[in-house]
C-alpha atoms as a PDB file:
ATOM      1  CA  UNK A   1       5.384   5.933 -14.455  1.00  0.00           C
ATOM      2  CA  UNK A   2       8.417   3.910 -15.448  1.00  0.00           C
ATOM      3  CA  UNK A   3      10.833   6.752 -16.135  1.00  0.00           C
ATOM      4  CA  UNK A   4       9.363   9.201 -13.624  1.00  0.00           C
ATOM      5  CA  UNK A   5       8.974   6.853 -10.671  1.00  0.00           C
ATOM      6  CA  UNK A   6      10.102   3.240 -11.043  1.00  0.00           C
ATOM      7  CA  UNK A   7      13.591   3.821 -12.426  1.00  0.00           C
ATOM      8  CA  UNK A   8      14.549   6.538  -9.893  1.00  0.00           C
ATOM      9  CA  UNK A   9      13.092   4.538  -6.991  1.00  0.00           C
ATOM     10  CA  UNK A  10      15.040   1.439  -8.028  1.00  0.00           C
ATOM     11  CA  UNK A  11      18.247   3.505  -7.949  1.00  0.00           C
ATOM     12  CA  UNK A  12      17.333   4.717  -4.440  1.00  0.00           C
ATOM     13  CA  UNK A  13      16.624   1.124  -3.366  1.00  0.00           C
ATOM     14  CA  UNK A  14      20.023   0.037  -4.626  1.00  0.00           C
ATOM     15  CA  UNK A  15      22.029   2.954  -3.193  1.00  0.00           C
ATOM     16  CA  UNK A  16      20.220   3.862   0.039  1.00  0.00           C
ATOM     17  CA  UNK A  17      18.618   0.538   1.035  1.00  0.00           C
ATOM     18  CA  UNK A  18      21.252  -1.926  -0.271  1.00  0.00           C
ATOM     19  CA  UNK A  19      18.691  -3.489  -2.604  1.00  0.00           C
ATOM     20  CA  UNK A  20      16.176  -4.183   0.178  1.00  0.00           C
ATOM     21  CA  UNK A  21      12.810  -3.625  -1.567  1.00  0.00           C
ATOM     22  CA  UNK A  22      10.772  -4.178   1.590  1.00  0.00           C
ATOM     23  CA  UNK A  23      12.711  -1.657   3.647  1.00  0.00           C
ATOM     24  CA  UNK A  24      12.497   0.954   0.874  1.00  0.00           C
ATOM     25  CA  UNK A  25       8.802   0.316   0.182  1.00  0.00           C
ATOM     26  CA  UNK A  26       7.978   0.486   3.891  1.00  0.00           C
ATOM     27  CA  UNK A  27       9.781   3.816   4.274  1.00  0.00           C
ATOM     28  CA  UNK A  28       8.181   5.319   1.159  1.00  0.00           C
ATOM     29  CA  UNK A  29       4.678   4.082   1.986  1.00  0.00           C
ATOM     30  CA  UNK A  30       4.761   5.166   5.609  1.00  0.00           C
ATOM     31  CA  UNK A  31       6.033   8.626   4.696  1.00  0.00           C
ATOM     32  CA  UNK A  32       3.437   9.039   1.948  1.00  0.00           C
ATOM     33  CA  UNK A  33       0.544   8.047   4.231  1.00  0.00           C
ATOM     34  CA  UNK A  34       1.754  10.324   7.010  1.00  0.00           C
ATOM     35  CA  UNK A  35       1.979  13.315   4.674  1.00  0.00           C
ATOM     36  CA  UNK A  36      -1.339  12.610   2.949  1.00  0.00           C
ATOM     37  CA  UNK A  37      -3.384  11.733   6.022  1.00  0.00           C
ATOM     38  CA  UNK A  38      -2.124  14.252   8.566  1.00  0.00           C
ATOM     39  CA  UNK A  39      -2.528  17.259   6.284  1.00  0.00           C
ATOM     40  CA  UNK A  40      -5.580  18.102   4.222  1.00  0.00           C
ATOM     41  CA  UNK A  41      -7.215  14.696   4.766  1.00  0.00           C
ATOM     42  CA  UNK A  42      -6.789  14.725   8.557  1.00  0.00           C
ATOM     43  CA  UNK A  43     -10.550  15.104   9.097  1.00  0.00           C
ATOM     44  CA  UNK A  44     -11.052  11.868   7.172  1.00  0.00           C
ATOM     45  CA  UNK A  45      -9.201   9.990   9.918  1.00  0.00           C
ATOM     46  CA  UNK A  46     -11.708  11.009  12.568  1.00  0.00           C
ATOM     47  CA  UNK A  47     -14.687   9.407  10.811  1.00  0.00           C
ATOM     48  CA  UNK A  48     -13.113   6.426   9.032  1.00  0.00           C
ATOM     49  CA  UNK A  49     -13.608   2.841  10.111  1.00  0.00           C
ATOM     50  CA  UNK A  50     -10.898   0.403   9.040  1.00  0.00           C
ATOM     51  CA  UNK A  51     -13.058  -1.207   6.331  1.00  0.00           C
ATOM     52  CA  UNK A  52     -14.234   2.183   5.022  1.00  0.00           C
ATOM     53  CA  UNK A  53     -10.656   3.461   4.969  1.00  0.00           C
ATOM     54  CA  UNK A  54      -9.337   0.420   3.106  1.00  0.00           C
ATOM     55  CA  UNK A  55     -12.178   0.457   0.554  1.00  0.00           C
ATOM     56  CA  UNK A  56     -11.526   4.107  -0.208  1.00  0.00           C
ATOM     57  CA  UNK A  57      -7.756   3.629  -0.220  1.00  0.00           C
ATOM     58  CA  UNK A  58      -8.091   0.923  -2.869  1.00  0.00           C
ATOM     59  CA  UNK A  59     -10.279   3.223  -5.002  1.00  0.00           C
ATOM     60  CA  UNK A  60      -7.843   6.107  -4.564  1.00  0.00           C
ATOM     61  CA  UNK A  61      -4.861   3.948  -5.524  1.00  0.00           C
ATOM     62  CA  UNK A  62      -6.660   2.659  -8.624  1.00  0.00           C
ATOM     63  CA  UNK A  63      -7.123   6.281  -9.688  1.00  0.00           C
ATOM     64  CA  UNK A  64      -3.613   7.389  -8.761  1.00  0.00           C
ATOM     65  CA  UNK A  65      -1.896   4.375 -10.321  1.00  0.00           C
ATOM     66  CA  UNK A  66      -3.686   4.284 -13.642  1.00  0.00           C
ATOM     67  CA  UNK A  67      -4.155   1.909 -15.334  1.00  0.00           C
ATOM     68  CA  UNK A  68      -4.532  -0.558 -12.486  1.00  0.00           C
ATOM     69  CA  UNK A  69      -7.155  -2.664 -10.764  1.00  0.00           C
ATOM     70  CA  UNK A  70      -7.000  -2.631  -6.980  1.00  0.00           C
ATOM     71  CA  UNK A  71      -9.863  -3.879  -4.850  1.00  0.00           C
ATOM     72  CA  UNK A  72     -10.767  -5.305  -1.474  1.00  0.00           C
ATOM     73  CA  UNK A  73     -11.290  -9.033  -1.968  1.00  0.00           C
ATOM     74  CA  UNK A  74     -12.406  -9.815   1.584  1.00  0.00           C
ATOM     75  CA  UNK A  75     -13.261  -8.064   4.846  1.00  0.00           C
ATOM     76  CA  UNK A  76     -13.552  -9.398   8.358  1.00  0.00           C
ATOM     77  CA  UNK A  77     -13.817  -7.867  11.814  1.00  0.00           C
ATOM     78  CA  UNK A  78     -10.101  -7.105  12.183  1.00  0.00           C
ATOM     79  CA  UNK A  79      -8.691  -7.907   8.773  1.00  0.00           C
ATOM     80  CA  UNK A  80      -8.925  -6.855   5.152  1.00  0.00           C
ATOM     81  CA  UNK A  81      -7.436  -8.414   2.045  1.00  0.00           C
ATOM     82  CA  UNK A  82      -6.397  -6.126  -0.791  1.00  0.00           C
ATOM     83  CA  UNK A  83      -5.954  -7.565  -4.249  1.00  0.00           C
ATOM     84  CA  UNK A  84      -4.106  -6.000  -7.179  1.00  0.00           C
ATOM     85  CA  UNK A  85      -5.195  -7.807 -10.328  1.00  0.00           C
ATOM     86  CA  UNK A  86      -3.763  -5.458 -12.914  1.00  0.00           C
ATOM     87  CA  UNK A  87      -0.874  -3.002 -12.630  1.00  0.00           C
ATOM     88  CA  UNK A  88       1.496  -2.243 -15.466  1.00  0.00           C
ATOM     89  CA  UNK A  89       5.195  -2.362 -14.495  1.00  0.00           C
ATOM     90  CA  UNK A  90       4.560  -3.085 -10.810  1.00  0.00           C
ATOM     91  CA  UNK A  91       7.618  -4.163  -8.862  1.00  0.00           C
ATOM     92  CA  UNK A  92       8.318  -5.412  -5.344  1.00  0.00           C
ATOM     93  CA  UNK A  93       9.146  -1.952  -3.966  1.00  0.00           C
ATOM     94  CA  UNK A  94       5.830  -0.563  -5.173  1.00  0.00           C
ATOM     95  CA  UNK A  95       3.910  -3.523  -3.708  1.00  0.00           C
ATOM     96  CA  UNK A  96       5.586  -2.908  -0.356  1.00  0.00           C
ATOM     97  CA  UNK A  97       4.906   0.831  -0.670  1.00  0.00           C
ATOM     98  CA  UNK A  98       1.172   0.206  -1.174  1.00  0.00           C
ATOM     99  CA  UNK A  99       1.096  -2.268   1.722  1.00  0.00           C
ATOM    100  CA  UNK A 100       2.975   0.076   4.041  1.00  0.00           C
ATOM    101  CA  UNK A 101       0.795   3.062   3.064  1.00  0.00           C
ATOM    102  CA  UNK A 102      -2.300   1.105   4.069  1.00  0.00           C
ATOM    103  CA  UNK A 103      -0.679  -0.198   7.262  1.00  0.00           C
ATOM    104  CA  UNK A 104       0.244   3.351   8.297  1.00  0.00           C
ATOM    105  CA  UNK A 105      -3.263   4.587   7.428  1.00  0.00           C
ATOM    106  CA  UNK A 106      -4.723   1.904   9.720  1.00  0.00           C
ATOM    107  CA  UNK A 107      -2.346   3.020  12.463  1.00  0.00           C
ATOM    108  CA  UNK A 108      -3.410   6.651  11.994  1.00  0.00           C
ATOM    109  CA  UNK A 109      -7.067   5.736  12.605  1.00  0.00           C
ATOM    110  CA  UNK A 110      -5.991   4.082  15.848  1.00  0.00           C
ATOM    111  CA  UNK A 111      -6.018   0.427  14.847  1.00  0.00           C
ATOM    112  CA  UNK A 112      -3.760  -1.360  17.299  1.00  0.00           C
ATOM    113  CA  UNK A 113      -0.744  -3.249  15.956  1.00  0.00           C
ATOM    114  CA  UNK A 114      -1.624  -3.160  12.251  1.00  0.00           C
ATOM    115  CA  UNK A 115       0.483  -5.455  10.125  1.00  0.00           C
ATOM    116  CA  UNK A 116       0.504  -6.744   6.582  1.00  0.00           C
ATOM    117  CA  UNK A 117       1.616  -9.830   4.747  1.00  0.00           C
ATOM    118  CA  UNK A 118       2.045 -10.066   0.987  1.00  0.00           C
ATOM    119  CA  UNK A 119       0.913 -13.596   0.160  1.00  0.00           C
ATOM    120  CA  UNK A 120       0.994 -13.360  -3.643  1.00  0.00           C
ATOM    121  CA  UNK A 121       2.752 -10.870  -5.910  1.00  0.00           C
ATOM    122  CA  UNK A 122       2.518  -9.767  -9.517  1.00  0.00           C
ATOM    123  CA  UNK A 123       6.209  -8.860  -9.185  1.00  0.00           C
ATOM    124  CA  UNK A 124       6.910 -12.579  -8.647  1.00  0.00           C
ATOM    125  CA  UNK A 125       4.923 -13.455 -11.794  1.00  0.00           C
ATOM    126  CA  UNK A 126       1.923 -14.682  -9.818  1.00  0.00           C
ATOM    127  CA  UNK A 127      -1.593 -13.975 -11.203  1.00  0.00           C
ATOM    128  CA  UNK A 128      -2.232 -11.094  -8.763  1.00  0.00           C
ATOM    129  CA  UNK A 129      -0.861  -9.366  -5.684  1.00  0.00           C
ATOM    130  CA  UNK A 130      -2.627 -10.184  -2.444  1.00  0.00           C
ATOM    131  CA  UNK A 131      -1.946  -8.197   0.712  1.00  0.00           C
ATOM    132  CA  UNK A 132      -3.556  -9.313   3.966  1.00  0.00           C
ATOM    133  CA  UNK A 133      -3.918  -6.673   6.702  1.00  0.00           C
ATOM    134  CA  UNK A 134      -4.645  -7.547  10.334  1.00  0.00           C
ATOM    135  CA  UNK A 135      -4.916  -5.494  13.516  1.00  0.00           C
ATOM    136  CA  UNK A 136      -5.879  -6.000  17.167  1.00  0.00           C
END
């Protein structure tokens, strides 16, 4: 993960995005969700509710980014909170990538004005990463 993903992405962040981790993570996450969810998994978008989508996205990310612990810590009518409690070598760009992937996935299932806010971050040496998603 470190040599194959994190190091090259950090070079891209520095060169292409002038060190802006949020801008880079947003671009990477949005692109990844678009490719993943408009291809083979397109059918999934037609049947997914926002809470179902986010629950399955957290499970998928835990499998893809192994070892990690990613779960939904709370759900409400038009919001979901994702919590990353364990993730070796996570950095700010990757946190933004995960957040942006989920935001784009919510947009693709026709949630209006989805947005996210990272309220806590492992990359800032806090106990966990917390990402709050809201939509209209």
